[in-house]
N, C-alpha and C. Protein backbone atom coordinates (compact mmCIF):
# COMPACT_ATOMS: atom_id res chain seq x y z
N MET A 1 -133.18 -101.86 -82.69
CA MET A 1 -134.50 -102.44 -82.94
C MET A 1 -135.32 -101.54 -83.86
N THR A 2 -135.28 -100.25 -83.60
CA THR A 2 -136.03 -99.30 -84.42
C THR A 2 -135.53 -99.32 -85.86
N ASP A 3 -134.20 -99.34 -86.02
CA ASP A 3 -133.61 -99.38 -87.37
C ASP A 3 -134.02 -100.65 -88.11
N PHE A 4 -133.97 -101.77 -87.39
CA PHE A 4 -134.32 -103.06 -88.00
C PHE A 4 -135.77 -103.06 -88.45
N ILE A 5 -136.67 -102.64 -87.59
CA ILE A 5 -138.10 -102.63 -87.90
C ILE A 5 -138.40 -101.66 -89.04
N THR A 6 -137.72 -100.54 -89.04
CA THR A 6 -137.91 -99.56 -90.11
C THR A 6 -137.50 -100.14 -91.45
N LYS A 7 -136.35 -100.81 -91.47
CA LYS A 7 -135.88 -101.45 -92.71
C LYS A 7 -136.79 -102.60 -93.12
N LEU A 8 -137.23 -103.36 -92.12
CA LEU A 8 -138.10 -104.50 -92.38
C LEU A 8 -139.42 -104.05 -93.01
N SER A 9 -139.88 -102.89 -92.64
CA SER A 9 -141.17 -102.39 -93.14
C SER A 9 -141.06 -101.67 -94.48
N SER A 10 -139.83 -101.47 -94.95
CA SER A 10 -139.63 -100.76 -96.21
C SER A 10 -139.78 -101.71 -97.41
N LYS A 11 -139.60 -101.16 -98.62
CA LYS A 11 -139.72 -102.00 -99.83
C LYS A 11 -138.44 -102.78 -100.11
N ASP A 12 -137.37 -102.56 -99.34
CA ASP A 12 -136.14 -103.32 -99.51
C ASP A 12 -136.40 -104.80 -99.22
N PRO A 13 -135.82 -105.70 -100.03
CA PRO A 13 -136.08 -107.13 -99.82
C PRO A 13 -135.39 -107.71 -98.58
N THR A 14 -134.37 -106.99 -98.10
CA THR A 14 -133.70 -107.43 -96.87
C THR A 14 -133.62 -106.29 -95.88
N PRO A 15 -133.81 -106.56 -94.60
CA PRO A 15 -134.14 -107.87 -94.04
C PRO A 15 -135.57 -108.28 -94.42
N GLY A 16 -135.78 -109.58 -94.37
CA GLY A 16 -137.10 -110.10 -94.69
C GLY A 16 -137.51 -111.14 -93.66
N GLY A 17 -138.27 -112.11 -94.12
CA GLY A 17 -138.79 -113.14 -93.22
C GLY A 17 -137.71 -113.94 -92.52
N GLY A 18 -136.60 -114.18 -93.22
CA GLY A 18 -135.50 -114.94 -92.61
C GLY A 18 -134.86 -114.19 -91.46
N GLY A 19 -134.59 -112.91 -91.68
CA GLY A 19 -134.02 -112.08 -90.62
C GLY A 19 -134.98 -111.93 -89.45
N ALA A 20 -136.26 -111.79 -89.76
CA ALA A 20 -137.27 -111.68 -88.71
C ALA A 20 -137.32 -112.97 -87.88
N SER A 21 -137.20 -114.10 -88.56
CA SER A 21 -137.20 -115.39 -87.86
C SER A 21 -136.05 -115.48 -86.88
N ALA A 22 -134.86 -115.06 -87.34
CA ALA A 22 -133.67 -115.10 -86.48
C ALA A 22 -133.83 -114.16 -85.29
N LEU A 23 -134.42 -112.99 -85.52
CA LEU A 23 -134.65 -112.04 -84.43
C LEU A 23 -135.61 -112.62 -83.39
N ILE A 24 -136.67 -113.24 -83.86
CA ILE A 24 -137.64 -113.85 -82.95
C ILE A 24 -136.96 -114.95 -82.13
N GLY A 25 -136.09 -115.72 -82.80
CA GLY A 25 -135.33 -116.76 -82.09
C GLY A 25 -134.42 -116.16 -81.04
N ALA A 26 -133.77 -115.04 -81.38
CA ALA A 26 -132.89 -114.36 -80.43
C ALA A 26 -133.68 -113.84 -79.23
N VAL A 27 -134.89 -113.36 -79.47
CA VAL A 27 -135.75 -112.90 -78.37
C VAL A 27 -136.08 -114.07 -77.44
N SER A 28 -136.37 -115.22 -78.02
CA SER A 28 -136.65 -116.41 -77.22
C SER A 28 -135.45 -116.77 -76.36
N ALA A 29 -134.27 -116.79 -76.97
CA ALA A 29 -133.04 -117.13 -76.23
C ALA A 29 -132.75 -116.10 -75.15
N ALA A 30 -132.98 -114.82 -75.45
CA ALA A 30 -132.73 -113.76 -74.47
C ALA A 30 -133.66 -113.89 -73.26
N LEU A 31 -134.90 -114.26 -73.50
CA LEU A 31 -135.84 -114.48 -72.40
C LEU A 31 -135.37 -115.64 -71.52
N CYS A 32 -134.86 -116.68 -72.16
CA CYS A 32 -134.33 -117.82 -71.41
C CYS A 32 -133.15 -117.38 -70.55
N SER A 33 -132.30 -116.55 -71.12
CA SER A 33 -131.15 -116.03 -70.37
C SER A 33 -131.60 -115.20 -69.18
N MET A 34 -132.63 -114.39 -69.38
CA MET A 34 -133.16 -113.58 -68.28
C MET A 34 -133.64 -114.47 -67.14
N VAL A 35 -134.39 -115.50 -67.48
CA VAL A 35 -134.93 -116.40 -66.46
C VAL A 35 -133.79 -117.12 -65.73
N ALA A 36 -132.79 -117.58 -66.48
CA ALA A 36 -131.65 -118.25 -65.87
C ALA A 36 -130.88 -117.29 -64.95
N ASN A 37 -130.73 -116.05 -65.38
CA ASN A 37 -130.04 -115.04 -64.55
C ASN A 37 -130.83 -114.70 -63.29
N LEU A 38 -132.14 -114.76 -63.37
CA LEU A 38 -132.97 -114.52 -62.19
C LEU A 38 -132.96 -115.71 -61.23
N THR A 39 -132.56 -116.86 -61.74
CA THR A 39 -132.56 -118.10 -60.95
C THR A 39 -131.21 -118.35 -60.28
N THR A 40 -130.15 -118.01 -60.99
CA THR A 40 -128.80 -118.34 -60.51
C THR A 40 -128.50 -117.72 -59.15
N GLY A 41 -127.87 -118.53 -58.30
CA GLY A 41 -127.47 -118.04 -56.98
C GLY A 41 -128.56 -118.03 -55.93
N LYS A 42 -129.79 -118.40 -56.31
CA LYS A 42 -130.90 -118.39 -55.35
C LYS A 42 -130.93 -119.72 -54.56
N LYS A 43 -131.03 -119.61 -53.24
CA LYS A 43 -131.03 -120.81 -52.38
C LYS A 43 -132.15 -121.77 -52.75
N LYS A 44 -133.27 -121.20 -53.10
CA LYS A 44 -134.45 -122.02 -53.42
C LYS A 44 -134.19 -122.97 -54.60
N TYR A 45 -133.27 -122.56 -55.49
CA TYR A 45 -133.00 -123.36 -56.68
C TYR A 45 -131.57 -123.91 -56.69
N ALA A 46 -130.98 -124.01 -55.49
CA ALA A 46 -129.58 -124.45 -55.36
C ALA A 46 -129.33 -125.82 -56.00
N GLU A 47 -130.32 -126.70 -55.94
CA GLU A 47 -130.14 -128.04 -56.51
C GLU A 47 -129.96 -128.02 -58.03
N TYR A 48 -130.39 -126.93 -58.66
CA TYR A 48 -130.29 -126.81 -60.11
C TYR A 48 -129.13 -125.91 -60.57
N GLN A 49 -128.30 -125.45 -59.61
CA GLN A 49 -127.29 -124.45 -59.95
C GLN A 49 -126.37 -124.89 -61.08
N ALA A 50 -125.92 -126.14 -61.06
CA ALA A 50 -125.02 -126.63 -62.11
C ALA A 50 -125.71 -126.59 -63.47
N ASP A 51 -126.98 -126.94 -63.51
CA ASP A 51 -127.76 -126.90 -64.76
C ASP A 51 -127.96 -125.46 -65.23
N ILE A 52 -128.22 -124.57 -64.30
CA ILE A 52 -128.41 -123.16 -64.66
C ILE A 52 -127.11 -122.57 -65.21
N ASP A 53 -125.99 -122.94 -64.59
CA ASP A 53 -124.68 -122.48 -65.09
C ASP A 53 -124.45 -122.94 -66.52
N GLU A 54 -124.80 -124.20 -66.79
CA GLU A 54 -124.63 -124.74 -68.15
C GLU A 54 -125.56 -124.03 -69.13
N ILE A 55 -126.78 -123.77 -68.70
CA ILE A 55 -127.75 -123.06 -69.55
C ILE A 55 -127.23 -121.68 -69.91
N LEU A 56 -126.73 -120.95 -68.93
CA LEU A 56 -126.20 -119.60 -69.18
C LEU A 56 -125.01 -119.65 -70.14
N SER A 57 -124.17 -120.67 -69.99
CA SER A 57 -123.03 -120.82 -70.89
C SER A 57 -123.50 -121.08 -72.32
N ARG A 58 -124.47 -121.97 -72.47
CA ARG A 58 -125.00 -122.28 -73.80
C ARG A 58 -125.65 -121.05 -74.44
N LEU A 59 -126.38 -120.30 -73.64
CA LEU A 59 -127.06 -119.12 -74.18
C LEU A 59 -126.09 -118.00 -74.54
N SER A 60 -124.96 -117.94 -73.86
CA SER A 60 -123.96 -116.91 -74.18
C SER A 60 -123.38 -117.13 -75.58
N ASN A 61 -123.49 -118.36 -76.08
CA ASN A 61 -123.09 -118.66 -77.47
C ASN A 61 -124.28 -118.56 -78.42
N SER A 62 -125.43 -118.99 -77.96
CA SER A 62 -126.61 -119.06 -78.82
C SER A 62 -127.15 -117.69 -79.23
N ILE A 63 -127.20 -116.76 -78.29
CA ILE A 63 -127.76 -115.43 -78.60
C ILE A 63 -126.96 -114.72 -79.70
N PRO A 64 -125.61 -114.64 -79.59
CA PRO A 64 -124.85 -114.01 -80.67
C PRO A 64 -125.00 -114.74 -82.01
N THR A 65 -125.09 -116.07 -81.95
CA THR A 65 -125.27 -116.86 -83.18
C THR A 65 -126.58 -116.48 -83.86
N LEU A 66 -127.64 -116.40 -83.08
CA LEU A 66 -128.96 -116.06 -83.64
C LEU A 66 -128.96 -114.64 -84.21
N LEU A 67 -128.31 -113.72 -83.54
CA LEU A 67 -128.23 -112.35 -84.05
C LEU A 67 -127.41 -112.28 -85.35
N GLU A 68 -126.34 -113.07 -85.42
CA GLU A 68 -125.52 -113.11 -86.64
C GLU A 68 -126.31 -113.64 -87.83
N LEU A 69 -127.24 -114.54 -87.55
CA LEU A 69 -128.04 -115.13 -88.63
C LEU A 69 -128.97 -114.11 -89.29
N ILE A 70 -129.27 -113.02 -88.59
CA ILE A 70 -130.07 -111.95 -89.21
C ILE A 70 -129.32 -111.40 -90.42
N ASP A 71 -128.05 -111.07 -90.22
CA ASP A 71 -127.23 -110.53 -91.31
C ASP A 71 -126.89 -111.60 -92.35
N LYS A 72 -126.64 -112.81 -91.87
CA LYS A 72 -126.28 -113.89 -92.81
C LYS A 72 -127.43 -114.18 -93.78
N ASP A 73 -128.66 -114.08 -93.27
CA ASP A 73 -129.81 -114.31 -94.13
C ASP A 73 -129.86 -113.27 -95.26
N ALA A 74 -129.59 -112.02 -94.92
CA ALA A 74 -129.57 -110.96 -95.93
C ALA A 74 -128.43 -111.19 -96.93
N GLU A 75 -127.28 -111.67 -96.44
CA GLU A 75 -126.12 -111.90 -97.29
C GLU A 75 -126.38 -112.98 -98.34
N VAL A 76 -127.08 -114.04 -97.97
CA VAL A 76 -127.32 -115.13 -98.93
C VAL A 76 -128.45 -114.80 -99.89
N PHE A 77 -129.26 -113.78 -99.54
CA PHE A 77 -130.34 -113.40 -100.46
C PHE A 77 -129.80 -112.69 -101.69
N GLU A 78 -128.75 -111.91 -101.54
CA GLU A 78 -128.21 -111.13 -102.67
C GLU A 78 -127.78 -112.00 -103.85
N PRO A 79 -126.97 -113.07 -103.61
CA PRO A 79 -126.63 -113.93 -104.75
C PRO A 79 -127.84 -114.62 -105.37
N LEU A 80 -128.83 -114.93 -104.53
CA LEU A 80 -130.05 -115.57 -105.03
C LEU A 80 -130.80 -114.61 -105.94
N SER A 81 -130.90 -113.37 -105.53
CA SER A 81 -131.56 -112.35 -106.33
C SER A 81 -130.85 -112.16 -107.66
N ALA A 82 -129.52 -112.16 -107.62
CA ALA A 82 -128.71 -112.02 -108.84
C ALA A 82 -128.89 -113.22 -109.76
N ALA A 83 -129.00 -114.41 -109.16
CA ALA A 83 -129.16 -115.64 -109.95
C ALA A 83 -130.51 -115.66 -110.67
N TYR A 84 -131.54 -115.14 -110.01
CA TYR A 84 -132.85 -115.03 -110.67
C TYR A 84 -132.75 -114.16 -111.92
N SER A 85 -132.06 -113.06 -111.80
CA SER A 85 -131.91 -112.11 -112.91
C SER A 85 -131.07 -112.69 -114.04
N ALA A 86 -130.05 -113.48 -113.68
CA ALA A 86 -129.12 -114.02 -114.68
C ALA A 86 -129.75 -115.12 -115.54
N LYS A 87 -130.80 -115.72 -115.02
CA LYS A 87 -131.48 -116.83 -115.72
C LYS A 87 -130.50 -117.95 -116.06
N ASP A 88 -129.62 -118.27 -115.11
CA ASP A 88 -128.62 -119.33 -115.24
C ASP A 88 -129.00 -120.43 -114.25
N ASP A 89 -129.45 -121.58 -114.78
CA ASP A 89 -129.97 -122.66 -113.93
C ASP A 89 -128.96 -123.17 -112.91
N GLU A 90 -127.72 -123.32 -113.35
CA GLU A 90 -126.68 -123.83 -112.46
C GLU A 90 -126.39 -122.84 -111.33
N LEU A 91 -126.32 -121.59 -111.71
CA LEU A 91 -126.08 -120.53 -110.73
C LEU A 91 -127.24 -120.43 -109.74
N LEU A 92 -128.45 -120.56 -110.28
CA LEU A 92 -129.64 -120.49 -109.44
C LEU A 92 -129.69 -121.65 -108.44
N GLU A 93 -129.37 -122.84 -108.93
CA GLU A 93 -129.39 -124.02 -108.05
C GLU A 93 -128.41 -123.84 -106.89
N LYS A 94 -127.24 -123.37 -107.21
CA LYS A 94 -126.22 -123.14 -106.17
C LYS A 94 -126.69 -122.09 -105.18
N ALA A 95 -127.30 -121.03 -105.68
CA ALA A 95 -127.79 -119.95 -104.82
C ALA A 95 -128.94 -120.42 -103.93
N LEU A 96 -129.79 -121.30 -104.46
CA LEU A 96 -130.90 -121.84 -103.67
C LEU A 96 -130.39 -122.70 -102.52
N VAL A 97 -129.36 -123.49 -102.79
CA VAL A 97 -128.76 -124.33 -101.74
C VAL A 97 -128.16 -123.44 -100.65
N THR A 98 -127.46 -122.40 -101.06
CA THR A 98 -126.86 -121.47 -100.10
C THR A 98 -127.92 -120.74 -99.31
N ALA A 99 -128.98 -120.32 -99.99
CA ALA A 99 -130.07 -119.60 -99.32
C ALA A 99 -130.77 -120.48 -98.28
N CYS A 100 -130.79 -121.80 -98.53
CA CYS A 100 -131.40 -122.74 -97.57
C CYS A 100 -130.53 -122.94 -96.34
N SER A 101 -129.24 -122.72 -96.49
CA SER A 101 -128.31 -123.05 -95.41
C SER A 101 -128.54 -122.20 -94.16
N VAL A 102 -128.91 -120.95 -94.34
CA VAL A 102 -129.10 -120.08 -93.17
C VAL A 102 -130.34 -120.45 -92.36
N PRO A 103 -131.52 -120.59 -92.98
CA PRO A 103 -132.68 -121.01 -92.17
C PRO A 103 -132.50 -122.39 -91.56
N MET A 104 -131.72 -123.26 -92.25
CA MET A 104 -131.45 -124.58 -91.67
C MET A 104 -130.56 -124.45 -90.44
N GLU A 105 -129.57 -123.57 -90.52
CA GLU A 105 -128.70 -123.30 -89.37
C GLU A 105 -129.53 -122.72 -88.22
N LEU A 106 -130.45 -121.83 -88.57
CA LEU A 106 -131.34 -121.23 -87.58
C LEU A 106 -132.20 -122.30 -86.92
N LEU A 107 -132.76 -123.18 -87.72
CA LEU A 107 -133.62 -124.24 -87.21
C LEU A 107 -132.87 -125.14 -86.23
N LYS A 108 -131.63 -125.47 -86.56
CA LYS A 108 -130.81 -126.31 -85.68
C LYS A 108 -130.51 -125.60 -84.36
N GLU A 109 -130.23 -124.32 -84.44
CA GLU A 109 -129.95 -123.54 -83.23
C GLU A 109 -131.20 -123.48 -82.35
N LEU A 110 -132.35 -123.32 -82.97
CA LEU A 110 -133.61 -123.26 -82.23
C LEU A 110 -133.96 -124.63 -81.62
N ALA A 111 -133.64 -125.70 -82.34
CA ALA A 111 -133.90 -127.04 -81.83
C ALA A 111 -133.12 -127.26 -80.53
N ASN A 112 -131.91 -126.72 -80.45
CA ASN A 112 -131.11 -126.81 -79.22
C ASN A 112 -131.71 -125.96 -78.10
N LEU A 113 -132.37 -124.89 -78.48
CA LEU A 113 -132.98 -123.99 -77.50
C LEU A 113 -134.18 -124.62 -76.81
N VAL A 114 -134.85 -125.53 -77.50
CA VAL A 114 -136.05 -126.17 -76.95
C VAL A 114 -135.72 -126.89 -75.64
N ASP A 115 -134.58 -127.56 -75.61
CA ASP A 115 -134.16 -128.27 -74.41
C ASP A 115 -134.00 -127.30 -73.23
N ILE A 116 -133.44 -126.13 -73.49
CA ILE A 116 -133.26 -125.11 -72.45
C ILE A 116 -134.61 -124.62 -71.94
N ILE A 117 -135.53 -124.39 -72.85
CA ILE A 117 -136.88 -123.95 -72.47
C ILE A 117 -137.54 -124.98 -71.56
N GLU A 118 -137.42 -126.25 -71.94
CA GLU A 118 -138.02 -127.32 -71.12
C GLU A 118 -137.39 -127.35 -69.72
N GLN A 119 -136.09 -127.19 -69.65
CA GLN A 119 -135.41 -127.21 -68.35
C GLN A 119 -135.84 -126.03 -67.48
N LEU A 120 -135.91 -124.86 -68.09
CA LEU A 120 -136.27 -123.66 -67.31
C LEU A 120 -137.71 -123.71 -66.82
N ALA A 121 -138.57 -124.39 -67.53
CA ALA A 121 -139.96 -124.54 -67.08
C ALA A 121 -140.02 -125.27 -65.74
N VAL A 122 -139.02 -126.10 -65.49
CA VAL A 122 -138.96 -126.87 -64.25
C VAL A 122 -138.00 -126.24 -63.24
N LYS A 123 -136.82 -125.81 -63.74
CA LYS A 123 -135.72 -125.39 -62.86
C LYS A 123 -135.59 -123.88 -62.70
N GLY A 124 -136.29 -123.12 -63.51
CA GLY A 124 -136.18 -121.66 -63.46
C GLY A 124 -137.04 -121.06 -62.37
N SER A 125 -136.73 -119.83 -62.03
CA SER A 125 -137.49 -119.11 -61.01
C SER A 125 -138.98 -119.06 -61.36
N LYS A 126 -139.80 -119.46 -60.42
CA LYS A 126 -141.25 -119.48 -60.65
C LYS A 126 -141.81 -118.06 -60.84
N LEU A 127 -141.06 -117.06 -60.35
CA LEU A 127 -141.50 -115.68 -60.53
C LEU A 127 -141.41 -115.25 -62.00
N ALA A 128 -140.62 -116.00 -62.80
CA ALA A 128 -140.43 -115.65 -64.21
C ALA A 128 -140.93 -116.75 -65.14
N VAL A 129 -141.79 -117.62 -64.62
CA VAL A 129 -142.24 -118.75 -65.43
C VAL A 129 -143.03 -118.30 -66.66
N SER A 130 -143.73 -117.17 -66.55
CA SER A 130 -144.48 -116.68 -67.72
C SER A 130 -143.51 -116.31 -68.85
N ASP A 131 -142.30 -115.87 -68.49
CA ASP A 131 -141.30 -115.53 -69.51
C ASP A 131 -140.81 -116.79 -70.23
N VAL A 132 -140.78 -117.91 -69.52
CA VAL A 132 -140.44 -119.18 -70.15
C VAL A 132 -141.53 -119.54 -71.16
N GLY A 133 -142.78 -119.28 -70.79
CA GLY A 133 -143.89 -119.54 -71.71
C GLY A 133 -143.79 -118.68 -72.96
N VAL A 134 -143.42 -117.42 -72.79
CA VAL A 134 -143.24 -116.52 -73.94
C VAL A 134 -142.07 -117.02 -74.79
N ALA A 135 -141.00 -117.47 -74.14
CA ALA A 135 -139.85 -118.01 -74.87
C ALA A 135 -140.25 -119.23 -75.70
N ALA A 136 -141.09 -120.08 -75.12
CA ALA A 136 -141.57 -121.26 -75.84
C ALA A 136 -142.39 -120.86 -77.06
N SER A 137 -143.26 -119.87 -76.87
CA SER A 137 -144.10 -119.38 -77.97
C SER A 137 -143.24 -118.76 -79.08
N ALA A 138 -142.26 -117.95 -78.68
CA ALA A 138 -141.38 -117.29 -79.66
C ALA A 138 -140.52 -118.31 -80.39
N CYS A 139 -140.03 -119.31 -79.67
CA CYS A 139 -139.20 -120.35 -80.30
C CYS A 139 -140.01 -121.12 -81.35
N ARG A 140 -141.24 -121.46 -80.98
CA ARG A 140 -142.12 -122.16 -81.92
C ARG A 140 -142.34 -121.31 -83.17
N CYS A 141 -142.63 -120.04 -82.98
CA CYS A 141 -142.84 -119.12 -84.10
C CYS A 141 -141.60 -119.03 -84.98
N ALA A 142 -140.43 -118.91 -84.35
CA ALA A 142 -139.18 -118.80 -85.11
C ALA A 142 -138.91 -120.07 -85.91
N MET A 143 -139.23 -121.22 -85.33
CA MET A 143 -139.02 -122.50 -86.04
C MET A 143 -139.97 -122.61 -87.24
N GLU A 144 -141.22 -122.25 -87.03
CA GLU A 144 -142.20 -122.28 -88.13
C GLU A 144 -141.77 -121.34 -89.25
N SER A 145 -141.25 -120.20 -88.87
CA SER A 145 -140.82 -119.20 -89.85
C SER A 145 -139.57 -119.65 -90.60
N ALA A 146 -138.63 -120.26 -89.88
CA ALA A 146 -137.40 -120.75 -90.51
C ALA A 146 -137.73 -121.80 -91.57
N VAL A 147 -138.65 -122.70 -91.24
CA VAL A 147 -139.03 -123.75 -92.19
C VAL A 147 -139.67 -123.16 -93.45
N MET A 148 -140.45 -122.11 -93.26
CA MET A 148 -141.06 -121.42 -94.41
C MET A 148 -139.97 -120.95 -95.38
N ASN A 149 -138.87 -120.44 -94.81
CA ASN A 149 -137.77 -119.93 -95.63
C ASN A 149 -136.93 -121.04 -96.25
N ILE A 150 -137.04 -122.23 -95.71
CA ILE A 150 -136.41 -123.40 -96.35
C ILE A 150 -137.27 -123.86 -97.52
N TYR A 151 -138.57 -124.01 -97.26
CA TYR A 151 -139.47 -124.53 -98.28
C TYR A 151 -139.55 -123.65 -99.53
N ILE A 152 -139.48 -122.33 -99.36
CA ILE A 152 -139.58 -121.46 -100.53
C ILE A 152 -138.40 -121.65 -101.48
N ASN A 153 -137.26 -122.08 -100.91
CA ASN A 153 -136.07 -122.32 -101.72
C ASN A 153 -136.03 -123.75 -102.28
N THR A 154 -136.37 -124.74 -101.46
CA THR A 154 -136.32 -126.12 -101.95
C THR A 154 -137.37 -126.35 -103.04
N LYS A 155 -138.45 -125.61 -103.00
CA LYS A 155 -139.51 -125.76 -104.01
C LYS A 155 -139.00 -125.50 -105.42
N MET A 156 -137.99 -124.64 -105.55
CA MET A 156 -137.49 -124.26 -106.87
C MET A 156 -136.27 -125.06 -107.32
N MET A 157 -135.79 -125.97 -106.45
CA MET A 157 -134.59 -126.73 -106.79
C MET A 157 -134.86 -127.78 -107.87
N LYS A 158 -133.88 -127.93 -108.76
CA LYS A 158 -133.96 -128.97 -109.79
C LYS A 158 -133.57 -130.32 -109.20
N ASN A 159 -132.66 -130.30 -108.23
CA ASN A 159 -132.23 -131.53 -107.57
C ASN A 159 -133.28 -131.92 -106.54
N VAL A 160 -134.26 -132.67 -107.02
CA VAL A 160 -135.43 -133.01 -106.19
C VAL A 160 -135.03 -133.87 -104.99
N ASP A 161 -134.08 -134.79 -105.18
CA ASP A 161 -133.66 -135.65 -104.08
C ASP A 161 -133.07 -134.84 -102.94
N TYR A 162 -132.24 -133.87 -103.29
CA TYR A 162 -131.64 -133.01 -102.27
C TYR A 162 -132.71 -132.18 -101.57
N ALA A 163 -133.63 -131.65 -102.36
CA ALA A 163 -134.73 -130.84 -101.80
C ALA A 163 -135.56 -131.66 -100.82
N LYS A 164 -135.87 -132.89 -101.20
CA LYS A 164 -136.66 -133.77 -100.32
C LYS A 164 -135.92 -134.07 -99.02
N GLN A 165 -134.61 -134.27 -99.14
CA GLN A 165 -133.79 -134.56 -97.96
C GLN A 165 -133.78 -133.38 -96.99
N VAL A 166 -133.60 -132.19 -97.55
CA VAL A 166 -133.60 -130.98 -96.72
C VAL A 166 -134.97 -130.78 -96.07
N ASN A 167 -136.02 -130.94 -96.86
CA ASN A 167 -137.38 -130.77 -96.34
C ASN A 167 -137.69 -131.75 -95.22
N ALA A 168 -137.25 -133.01 -95.40
CA ALA A 168 -137.52 -134.04 -94.39
C ALA A 168 -136.80 -133.73 -93.08
N GLU A 169 -135.55 -133.29 -93.19
CA GLU A 169 -134.78 -132.93 -92.00
C GLU A 169 -135.43 -131.75 -91.28
N ALA A 170 -135.83 -130.76 -92.08
CA ALA A 170 -136.47 -129.57 -91.51
C ALA A 170 -137.79 -129.92 -90.83
N LYS A 171 -138.58 -130.74 -91.51
CA LYS A 171 -139.90 -131.11 -90.98
C LYS A 171 -139.78 -131.87 -89.67
N GLN A 172 -138.79 -132.75 -89.59
CA GLN A 172 -138.60 -133.53 -88.36
C GLN A 172 -138.25 -132.61 -87.19
N MET A 173 -137.32 -131.68 -87.41
CA MET A 173 -136.95 -130.74 -86.36
C MET A 173 -138.12 -129.85 -85.97
N LEU A 174 -138.88 -129.41 -86.97
CA LEU A 174 -140.03 -128.55 -86.72
C LEU A 174 -141.09 -129.27 -85.89
N ASN A 175 -141.45 -130.47 -86.31
CA ASN A 175 -142.50 -131.21 -85.60
C ASN A 175 -142.12 -131.49 -84.15
N ASP A 176 -140.86 -131.86 -83.95
CA ASP A 176 -140.37 -132.13 -82.60
C ASP A 176 -140.40 -130.85 -81.76
N GLY A 177 -139.91 -129.76 -82.35
CA GLY A 177 -139.85 -128.48 -81.64
C GLY A 177 -141.23 -127.94 -81.29
N ILE A 178 -142.15 -128.01 -82.25
CA ILE A 178 -143.51 -127.51 -82.01
C ILE A 178 -144.19 -128.31 -80.89
N THR A 179 -144.05 -129.63 -80.96
CA THR A 179 -144.67 -130.49 -79.94
C THR A 179 -144.17 -130.14 -78.55
N ARG A 180 -142.86 -129.97 -78.43
CA ARG A 180 -142.26 -129.70 -77.12
C ARG A 180 -142.54 -128.27 -76.63
N CYS A 181 -142.46 -127.30 -77.54
CA CYS A 181 -142.78 -125.91 -77.15
C CYS A 181 -144.25 -125.77 -76.76
N ASN A 182 -145.11 -126.44 -77.51
CA ASN A 182 -146.55 -126.40 -77.18
C ASN A 182 -146.82 -126.99 -75.81
N ALA A 183 -146.11 -128.08 -75.50
CA ALA A 183 -146.31 -128.74 -74.20
C ALA A 183 -145.90 -127.81 -73.06
N VAL A 184 -144.77 -127.13 -73.22
CA VAL A 184 -144.32 -126.19 -72.19
C VAL A 184 -145.31 -125.04 -72.06
N TYR A 185 -145.69 -124.46 -73.19
CA TYR A 185 -146.62 -123.32 -73.19
C TYR A 185 -147.95 -123.70 -72.53
N LYS A 186 -148.47 -124.87 -72.88
CA LYS A 186 -149.76 -125.32 -72.35
C LYS A 186 -149.67 -125.53 -70.84
N GLN A 187 -148.60 -126.17 -70.39
CA GLN A 187 -148.44 -126.44 -68.96
C GLN A 187 -148.34 -125.14 -68.16
N ILE A 188 -147.52 -124.21 -68.67
CA ILE A 188 -147.35 -122.94 -67.96
C ILE A 188 -148.66 -122.15 -67.95
N THR A 189 -149.36 -122.15 -69.06
CA THR A 189 -150.65 -121.45 -69.14
C THR A 189 -151.64 -122.02 -68.13
N GLU A 190 -151.68 -123.35 -68.06
CA GLU A 190 -152.60 -124.00 -67.11
C GLU A 190 -152.22 -123.68 -65.67
N ASP A 191 -150.91 -123.67 -65.39
CA ASP A 191 -150.45 -123.39 -64.03
C ASP A 191 -150.73 -121.95 -63.61
N LEU A 192 -150.69 -121.02 -64.55
CA LEU A 192 -150.87 -119.60 -64.24
C LEU A 192 -152.34 -119.17 -64.19
N LYS A 193 -153.17 -119.89 -64.92
CA LYS A 193 -154.57 -119.48 -65.08
C LYS A 193 -155.35 -119.61 -63.75
N CYS A 194 -156.16 -118.63 -63.47
CA CYS A 194 -157.04 -118.71 -62.31
C CYS A 194 -158.28 -119.51 -62.70
N ASN A 195 -158.65 -120.42 -61.86
CA ASN A 195 -159.88 -121.19 -62.10
C ASN A 195 -160.99 -120.60 -61.22
N PHE A 196 -161.70 -119.64 -61.78
CA PHE A 196 -162.75 -118.96 -61.01
C PHE A 196 -163.97 -119.86 -60.85
């Protein structure tokens, strides 16, 4: 973490916003895993055990995927940077499409995480419900950030139809994710707040 933050704060272009987005997503998934691990095997939540088992299985794949996307984002930036320097339109277009692929992959992974967050808000240990709220907030942030990294690339594409298609897909996932994460966050906040 220290190495990543140190590099992120330097003048090096990578890691950048894309890598940070993936890290924030991984933090959200890790919090979900913590809550599920605190819930599993507890008599109080026995009725949800099968669901918790499935959640833990899904997260065991999701967390490594999100962490891998940190490096993948840096990898796709290099050809894009080279394409800018080369002033070759065809090369640049190809690099822009590739650069969009990682934040889009991130967005799809985060969209799958939203369902887990919603489930844990109901089925997870109430002692860790605030962590579900933090996971919802982090997931929303990661989704908003991923879309930013899509838009910066689609904006420069010559193939406007393709750019519009990518933007529309991204916007739909973002709007759905934000609405659902906000609902979880709001409900948990209301449940935790003291009404003096």
